[in-house]
Structure formats: structure tokens, C-alpha cells
Amino acid sequence: MGHDHLVRIDYSAEVRKVLVITLILNSGVAIAKIIYGYLTNSIAMTSDGFHSLFDGVSNIIGLVGIWMASHPPDEEHPYGHKKYETLFTIIISVMIFATCTQILRKVYISFFEDHKTIVTGTSFLVMFITMGINIFVMLYESKKGRQLCSEFLVADAMHTKSDIFASMSVIASLLFTGFGFRYADTIVGLVITFFIARIGYEILRDASNILVDTVCIDNTAVKEVVSGVSGVKGCHEIRSRGTTNAVYIDLHVLVENNMPIEKAHDIADSIEEEIKKTFPSVVDIVVHVEPETLEH
């Protein structure tokens, strides 16, 4: 119990560290694009700057969400608070869809209004530098998310990927605008919006699977481990749920008729030990022991 609590503290501390670093980088990116966007009268760059602000806001949301999710189980929350991280992950997907509406608004304005954008060499320099920072943030967050099995960090990395797509659209629009193509920004903006919306959908789908308790571990794999435990005659009604780094399992096992309670208890303990050894993400197992005659 003590070791498990220590692991959770380290997990939340590591995730918070990643979020603080990305918050600082995202804020710098957003400020650079917003300021230069206003100076050059570029709707695309300014909108992309506000888009980057979403990344900073999501980092703050993540800090709050991870802090809440790291609280240990209590009387009112016997299964802990892990789903707070899932809840805040869904908020990120909503923010991505909000970003889509902002880009569509930018497309509408550029299509129907006569707007003169000043394209300079500095415009491209700002966009390439900030996009480079975004790529670093995405790779860093994605790597840490996989290492820590943090659904929030992985989702936030995907959010940053949407920012990279948006930045690419800005660079393309600046390039074509410089060549005199009036509707370049409109066409590129619509294409990029599709890719961003797709990322939001994938995040929402994965988070929803956790909220509705979709199976986390293949039942056949669990049954194979349980069947290998000495004294087990059968295994059925296997259920798993939870998040990538906190899985809960309950199952029924069959043992010899009239087996002493102490022996059956030892078998249940052995099952828990083997499952946790094979699947490190499992944090809790409920084993229901039944006599072999109950098998249908």
C-alpha cells in the first residue's frame, strides 16, 4: 500500500513537471504570434496565436486535473479519483473543437472581407521558430505520456499536433498571399480544420471508452494467467475497467469442492500476485472463489 502510494505521488509529480515546462513554452509561442500578428495585420497569425493560448490553458487545466486525480481513495471515492484526469481530457477535446470554430471564423472573414495582410521575411521566421517549439513540445509530451501512461499528456500532445497543423496553414497562406493568391488562406484553413477536428474526435472517443468502462485487458490473456495458478480448476466472468495506468479487475475462479477456506484464500492471493506481475497497470483485483460443482 505504501509503495503504491509512493508510485502515485511520483507519477503526479512527473506529469506536473512536464505540464509546467510545456506551459512556459506554449505561452512564449502564443505571445510571439499574437504580437507579430497584430503588427502585420495578419488574421491568420493572430488567430494561430490565440490557438496556441489554448495549449497554455490546457496545461493549466491539466495541472488542476492531475492534482485532483492524484488524491488517494477515500470514503466517498473508494476507487480513487483517476477519472478526473479523463474528465479533463474530454475538456481538451472540447477545446480542440472550439479551435476549429475559431479557424472557420478566420476563413469566413478572409473570404468575405477585403483584408490586406503584410507578408515579411520576419513573418516566416516567427512561424518557423514557433512551429519548431511546438514540434518539440509535441514529441516531449507524447514521449512522457507513453512513459508515464498518462492519457492527459498523450491527449495534450495531440492537441499540440493540431497547433502544428494550424501553423502550417498560416505559413502556406502567407506564402500564397505573397504570390497574390487571394483565397489561399480560405482553402488551406478548411483542410486544416478537418485534421484538427479529427484529432478532437479521437481524444473524445478514447476518453469516452474509459468513462463507459470499456474492457482494458483481453479476457483471454487474464484467463491464461489465472489458469496457470496451482489449484485453479476454471475461470469465468472476467471483467476489467479503468485507465491505462489504473486497471481494476474482478473475476470468478473454480476450486476443488470442500476446499478449506484458508487454502482458497491462498489461491486468491496467488491469483492477485500473478495478475499484477503480468499486468503492472492493474491496481485492484476482486477474486470470487466458487466450488467446482458450480461450473455450468
Protein backbone atom coordinates (compact mmCIF):
# COMPACT_ATOMS: atom_id res chain seq x y z
CA MET A 1 0.00 0.00 0.00
CA GLY A 2 2.80 2.38 0.96
CA HIS A 3 4.76 1.58 -2.22
CA ASP A 4 1.67 2.06 -4.39
CA HIS A 5 1.04 5.46 -2.82
CA LEU A 6 4.68 6.45 -3.45
CA VAL A 7 4.38 5.46 -7.11
CA ARG A 8 1.26 7.62 -7.48
CA ILE A 9 2.97 10.64 -5.90
CA ASP A 10 5.92 10.23 -8.31
CA TYR A 11 3.51 9.88 -11.24
CA SER A 12 1.59 13.08 -10.48
CA ALA A 13 4.83 14.98 -9.75
CA GLU A 14 6.35 13.89 -13.09
CA VAL A 15 3.21 14.82 -15.03
CA ARG A 16 3.07 18.23 -13.31
CA LYS A 17 6.72 18.83 -14.21
CA VAL A 18 6.01 18.12 -17.89
CA LEU A 19 2.96 20.40 -17.87
CA VAL A 20 4.86 23.31 -16.28
CA ILE A 21 7.62 23.08 -18.92
CA THR A 22 5.12 22.95 -21.80
CA LEU A 23 3.08 25.79 -20.24
CA ILE A 24 6.12 28.08 -20.34
CA LEU A 25 6.95 27.13 -23.95
CA ASN A 26 3.33 27.41 -25.15
CA SER A 27 2.95 30.84 -23.56
CA GLY A 28 6.08 32.10 -25.33
CA VAL A 29 4.82 30.77 -28.66
CA ALA A 30 1.38 32.35 -28.23
CA ILE A 31 2.74 35.79 -27.24
CA ALA A 32 5.16 35.87 -30.21
CA LYS A 33 2.45 35.05 -32.77
CA ILE A 34 -0.19 37.36 -31.30
CA ILE A 35 2.14 40.39 -31.11
CA TYR A 36 3.61 39.98 -34.59
CA GLY A 37 0.19 39.08 -35.99
CA TYR A 38 -1.17 42.42 -34.81
CA LEU A 39 1.89 44.29 -36.13
CA THR A 40 1.47 42.81 -39.64
CA ASN A 41 -2.33 42.86 -39.61
CA SER A 42 -2.34 39.08 -40.15
CA ILE A 43 -5.61 37.45 -39.15
CA ALA A 44 -4.10 34.00 -39.72
CA MET A 45 -1.10 34.56 -37.46
CA THR A 46 -3.11 36.31 -34.75
CA SER A 47 -5.73 33.53 -34.75
CA ASP A 48 -2.96 30.94 -34.59
CA GLY A 49 -1.53 32.83 -31.60
CA PHE A 50 -4.84 32.59 -29.77
CA HIS A 51 -4.97 28.94 -30.81
CA SER A 52 -1.62 28.49 -29.04
CA LEU A 53 -3.15 30.08 -25.95
CA PHE A 54 -5.49 27.07 -25.84
CA ASP A 55 -2.40 24.92 -25.32
CA GLY A 56 -1.38 27.05 -22.35
CA VAL A 57 -4.89 26.91 -20.90
CA SER A 58 -4.99 23.13 -21.36
CA ASN A 59 -1.71 22.88 -19.43
CA ILE A 60 -3.29 24.78 -16.53
CA ILE A 61 -6.38 22.57 -16.73
CA GLY A 62 -4.07 19.56 -16.73
CA LEU A 63 -2.24 20.74 -13.61
CA VAL A 64 -5.59 21.01 -11.80
CA GLY A 65 -6.83 17.69 -13.21
CA ILE A 66 -3.68 15.74 -12.30
CA TRP A 67 -3.70 17.23 -8.80
CA MET A 68 -7.31 16.09 -8.28
CA ALA A 69 -6.67 12.66 -9.83
CA SER A 70 -3.64 12.03 -7.58
CA HIS A 71 -5.72 12.13 -4.40
CA PRO A 72 -5.82 8.67 -2.77
CA PRO A 73 -9.11 6.73 -2.35
CA ASP A 74 -11.37 7.93 0.46
CA GLU A 75 -14.74 7.04 1.98
CA GLU A 76 -16.74 8.75 -0.76
CA HIS A 77 -14.38 7.72 -3.59
CA PRO A 78 -13.28 4.13 -2.81
CA TYR A 79 -11.90 3.70 -6.35
CA GLY A 80 -9.82 6.86 -6.13
CA HIS A 81 -10.07 9.98 -8.30
CA LYS A 82 -8.42 8.79 -11.54
CA LYS A 83 -11.41 9.63 -13.71
CA TYR A 84 -10.87 13.33 -13.01
CA GLU A 85 -7.94 13.03 -15.43
CA THR A 86 -10.30 11.51 -18.00
CA LEU A 87 -12.81 14.32 -17.41
CA PHE A 88 -10.17 16.98 -18.02
CA THR A 89 -9.01 15.05 -21.09
CA ILE A 90 -12.52 15.47 -22.50
CA ILE A 91 -12.26 19.21 -21.80
CA ILE A 92 -9.18 19.27 -24.07
CA SER A 93 -11.19 17.67 -26.89
CA VAL A 94 -13.89 20.32 -26.43
CA MET A 95 -11.18 22.99 -26.66
CA ILE A 96 -9.94 21.46 -29.90
CA PHE A 97 -13.45 21.70 -31.37
CA ALA A 98 -13.55 25.32 -30.16
CA THR A 99 -10.29 25.87 -32.03
CA CYS A 100 -11.96 24.54 -35.18
CA THR A 101 -14.71 27.15 -34.89
CA GLN A 102 -12.08 29.88 -34.49
CA ILE A 103 -10.26 28.78 -37.65
CA LEU A 104 -13.56 28.60 -39.54
CA ARG A 105 -14.31 32.12 -38.34
CA LYS A 106 -10.91 33.21 -39.70
CA VAL A 107 -11.74 31.52 -43.01
CA TYR A 108 -15.10 33.31 -43.17
CA ILE A 109 -13.53 36.71 -42.52
CA SER A 110 -10.77 36.23 -45.11
CA PHE A 111 -13.31 35.03 -47.69
CA PHE A 112 -15.95 37.75 -47.37
CA GLU A 113 -13.97 40.80 -46.23
CA ASP A 114 -11.31 42.77 -48.04
CA HIS A 115 -8.31 42.33 -45.78
CA LYS A 116 -4.71 43.33 -46.53
CA THR A 117 -2.02 41.24 -44.83
CA ILE A 118 1.59 42.41 -44.70
CA VAL A 119 3.88 39.48 -45.53
CA THR A 120 7.53 39.87 -44.48
CA GLY A 121 10.54 37.64 -44.00
CA THR A 122 10.10 38.06 -40.25
CA SER A 123 6.58 36.63 -40.58
CA PHE A 124 8.02 33.34 -41.83
CA LEU A 125 10.83 33.40 -39.26
CA VAL A 126 8.34 33.80 -36.37
CA MET A 127 6.16 30.99 -37.70
CA PHE A 128 9.02 28.55 -38.31
CA ILE A 129 10.59 29.16 -34.88
CA THR A 130 7.28 28.81 -33.05
CA MET A 131 6.36 25.71 -35.07
CA GLY A 132 9.74 24.20 -34.17
CA ILE A 133 8.95 24.78 -30.49
CA ASN A 134 5.53 23.18 -30.99
CA ILE A 135 7.11 20.09 -32.58
CA PHE A 136 9.49 19.78 -29.62
CA VAL A 137 6.60 20.13 -27.15
CA MET A 138 4.52 17.52 -29.02
CA LEU A 139 7.36 14.96 -29.11
CA TYR A 140 8.35 15.65 -25.49
CA GLU A 141 4.77 15.37 -24.17
CA SER A 142 4.00 12.31 -26.28
CA LYS A 143 7.13 10.51 -25.09
CA LYS A 144 6.49 11.36 -21.42
CA GLY A 145 2.81 10.46 -21.81
CA ARG A 146 3.69 6.97 -23.03
CA GLN A 147 6.36 6.50 -20.36
CA LEU A 148 4.02 7.57 -17.55
CA CYS A 149 0.88 6.03 -19.15
CA SER A 150 -0.81 9.43 -18.81
CA GLU A 151 -3.86 9.76 -21.04
CA PHE A 152 -3.88 13.51 -20.41
CA LEU A 153 -0.31 14.07 -21.64
CA VAL A 154 -0.93 11.97 -24.73
CA ALA A 155 -4.12 13.94 -25.44
CA ASP A 156 -2.36 17.26 -24.85
CA ALA A 157 0.41 16.19 -27.25
CA MET A 158 -2.26 15.53 -29.87
CA HIS A 159 -3.68 18.97 -29.14
CA THR A 160 -0.24 20.45 -29.79
CA LYS A 161 -0.17 18.50 -33.06
CA SER A 162 -3.31 20.42 -34.04
CA ASP A 163 -1.38 23.63 -33.34
CA ILE A 164 1.37 22.45 -35.71
CA PHE A 165 -1.21 21.85 -38.45
CA ALA A 166 -2.63 25.33 -37.86
CA SER A 167 0.86 26.86 -38.05
CA MET A 168 1.48 25.04 -41.33
CA SER A 169 -1.73 26.54 -42.71
CA VAL A 170 -0.54 30.01 -41.68
CA ILE A 171 2.84 29.53 -43.38
CA ALA A 172 1.12 28.27 -46.53
CA SER A 173 -1.34 31.16 -46.51
CA LEU A 174 1.48 33.68 -46.04
CA LEU A 175 3.38 32.13 -48.93
CA PHE A 176 0.43 32.12 -51.33
CA THR A 177 -0.73 35.54 -50.17
CA GLY A 178 2.73 36.87 -51.04
CA PHE A 179 2.27 35.45 -54.54
CA GLY A 180 -1.10 37.19 -54.83
CA PHE A 181 -3.47 34.25 -54.31
CA ARG A 182 -6.49 35.88 -52.65
CA TYR A 183 -8.26 32.72 -51.34
CA ALA A 184 -5.24 30.61 -50.37
CA ASP A 185 -5.90 31.16 -46.66
CA THR A 186 -9.52 30.05 -47.07
CA ILE A 187 -8.73 26.75 -48.80
CA VAL A 188 -5.84 25.78 -46.52
CA GLY A 189 -7.82 26.78 -43.42
CA LEU A 190 -10.70 24.45 -44.35
CA VAL A 191 -8.35 21.50 -44.91
CA ILE A 192 -6.52 22.05 -41.63
CA THR A 193 -9.82 22.36 -39.73
CA PHE A 194 -10.73 18.84 -40.86
CA PHE A 195 -7.49 17.39 -39.46
CA ILE A 196 -7.86 19.25 -36.18
CA ALA A 197 -11.47 18.08 -35.76
CA ARG A 198 -10.34 14.51 -36.39
CA ILE A 199 -7.80 14.75 -33.56
CA GLY A 200 -10.52 16.07 -31.23
CA TYR A 201 -12.78 13.16 -32.17
CA GLU A 202 -10.05 10.58 -31.43
CA ILE A 203 -9.37 12.07 -28.00
CA LEU A 204 -13.10 12.20 -27.18
CA ARG A 205 -13.56 8.59 -28.33
CA ASP A 206 -10.69 7.26 -26.18
CA ALA A 207 -11.82 9.20 -23.11
CA SER A 208 -15.42 8.04 -23.57
CA ASN A 209 -14.24 4.42 -23.65
CA ILE A 210 -12.78 4.89 -20.17
CA LEU A 211 -15.91 6.59 -18.80
CA VAL A 212 -18.18 3.77 -20.01
CA ASP A 213 -15.82 1.12 -18.58
CA THR A 214 -14.65 -0.42 -21.85
CA VAL A 215 -12.58 -3.61 -21.41
CA CYS A 216 -8.95 -2.72 -20.60
CA ILE A 217 -7.28 -6.13 -20.73
CA ASP A 218 -8.18 -9.02 -23.02
CA ASN A 219 -10.16 -11.65 -21.07
CA THR A 220 -8.30 -14.50 -22.76
CA ALA A 221 -4.95 -13.15 -21.54
CA VAL A 222 -6.26 -12.85 -17.98
CA LYS A 223 -7.76 -16.35 -18.09
CA GLU A 224 -4.43 -17.77 -19.29
CA VAL A 225 -2.60 -16.26 -16.29
CA VAL A 226 -5.26 -17.38 -13.79
CA SER A 227 -5.40 -20.93 -15.19
CA GLY A 228 -1.67 -21.26 -14.58
CA VAL A 229 -2.11 -20.81 -10.82
CA SER A 230 -1.95 -24.07 -8.87
CA GLY A 231 -5.35 -25.18 -7.54
CA VAL A 232 -7.46 -23.28 -10.09
CA LYS A 233 -9.95 -25.55 -11.90
CA GLY A 234 -11.60 -22.87 -14.01
CA CYS A 235 -12.12 -19.14 -14.53
CA HIS A 236 -15.07 -17.13 -15.82
CA GLU A 237 -16.96 -13.81 -15.61
CA ILE A 238 -13.77 -11.80 -16.07
CA ARG A 239 -14.29 -8.03 -16.13
CA SER A 240 -11.80 -5.19 -16.41
CA ARG A 241 -12.15 -1.42 -16.45
CA GLY A 242 -10.20 1.72 -15.66
CA THR A 243 -7.46 3.81 -17.29
CA THR A 244 -4.16 2.91 -18.93
CA ASN A 245 -2.29 3.19 -15.64
CA ALA A 246 -5.02 2.11 -13.19
CA VAL A 247 -6.91 -1.04 -14.18
CA TYR A 248 -9.48 -2.81 -11.98
CA ILE A 249 -10.32 -6.50 -12.49
CA ASP A 250 -12.90 -8.81 -10.96
CA LEU A 251 -13.35 -12.48 -11.80
CA HIS A 252 -14.72 -15.84 -10.61
CA VAL A 253 -12.49 -18.90 -10.14
CA LEU A 254 -13.39 -22.53 -9.54
CA VAL A 255 -11.54 -24.65 -6.98
CA GLU A 256 -11.95 -28.20 -5.62
CA ASN A 257 -15.14 -28.97 -3.72
CA ASN A 258 -14.91 -28.72 0.08
CA MET A 259 -11.56 -26.93 -0.11
CA PRO A 260 -10.66 -25.28 3.26
CA ILE A 261 -11.27 -21.51 3.33
CA GLU A 262 -7.62 -20.86 4.18
CA LYS A 263 -6.44 -22.76 1.08
CA ALA A 264 -8.96 -20.99 -1.16
CA HIS A 265 -7.79 -17.66 0.25
CA ASP A 266 -4.17 -18.55 -0.55
CA ILE A 267 -5.15 -19.35 -4.14
CA ALA A 268 -6.93 -16.00 -4.44
CA ASP A 269 -3.79 -14.24 -3.16
CA SER A 270 -1.67 -16.13 -5.70
CA ILE A 271 -4.02 -15.08 -8.50
CA GLU A 272 -3.73 -11.41 -7.48
CA GLU A 273 0.06 -11.68 -7.34
CA GLU A 274 0.35 -13.31 -10.77
CA ILE A 275 -2.03 -10.89 -12.47
CA LYS A 276 -0.25 -7.82 -11.06
CA LYS A 277 3.10 -9.33 -12.08
CA THR A 278 1.88 -9.92 -15.64
CA PHE A 279 -0.12 -6.68 -15.95
CA PRO A 280 1.65 -3.92 -13.93
CA SER A 281 -1.15 -1.43 -14.65
CA VAL A 282 -3.60 -3.45 -12.51
CA VAL A 283 -4.15 -1.75 -9.15
CA ASP A 284 -7.00 -3.79 -7.69
CA ILE A 285 -8.42 -7.32 -8.18
CA VAL A 286 -11.54 -8.91 -6.72
CA VAL A 287 -11.50 -12.73 -6.82
CA HIS A 288 -14.75 -14.60 -6.19
CA VAL A 289 -13.97 -18.25 -5.28
CA GLU A 290 -16.53 -20.95 -6.11
CA PRO A 291 -16.57 -24.76 -5.71
CA GLU A 292 -16.01 -26.68 -8.93
CA THR A 293 -19.56 -28.11 -8.89
CA LEU A 294 -20.96 -24.65 -9.72
CA GLU A 295 -19.43 -24.72 -13.21
CA HIS A 296 -22.12 -24.70 -15.88
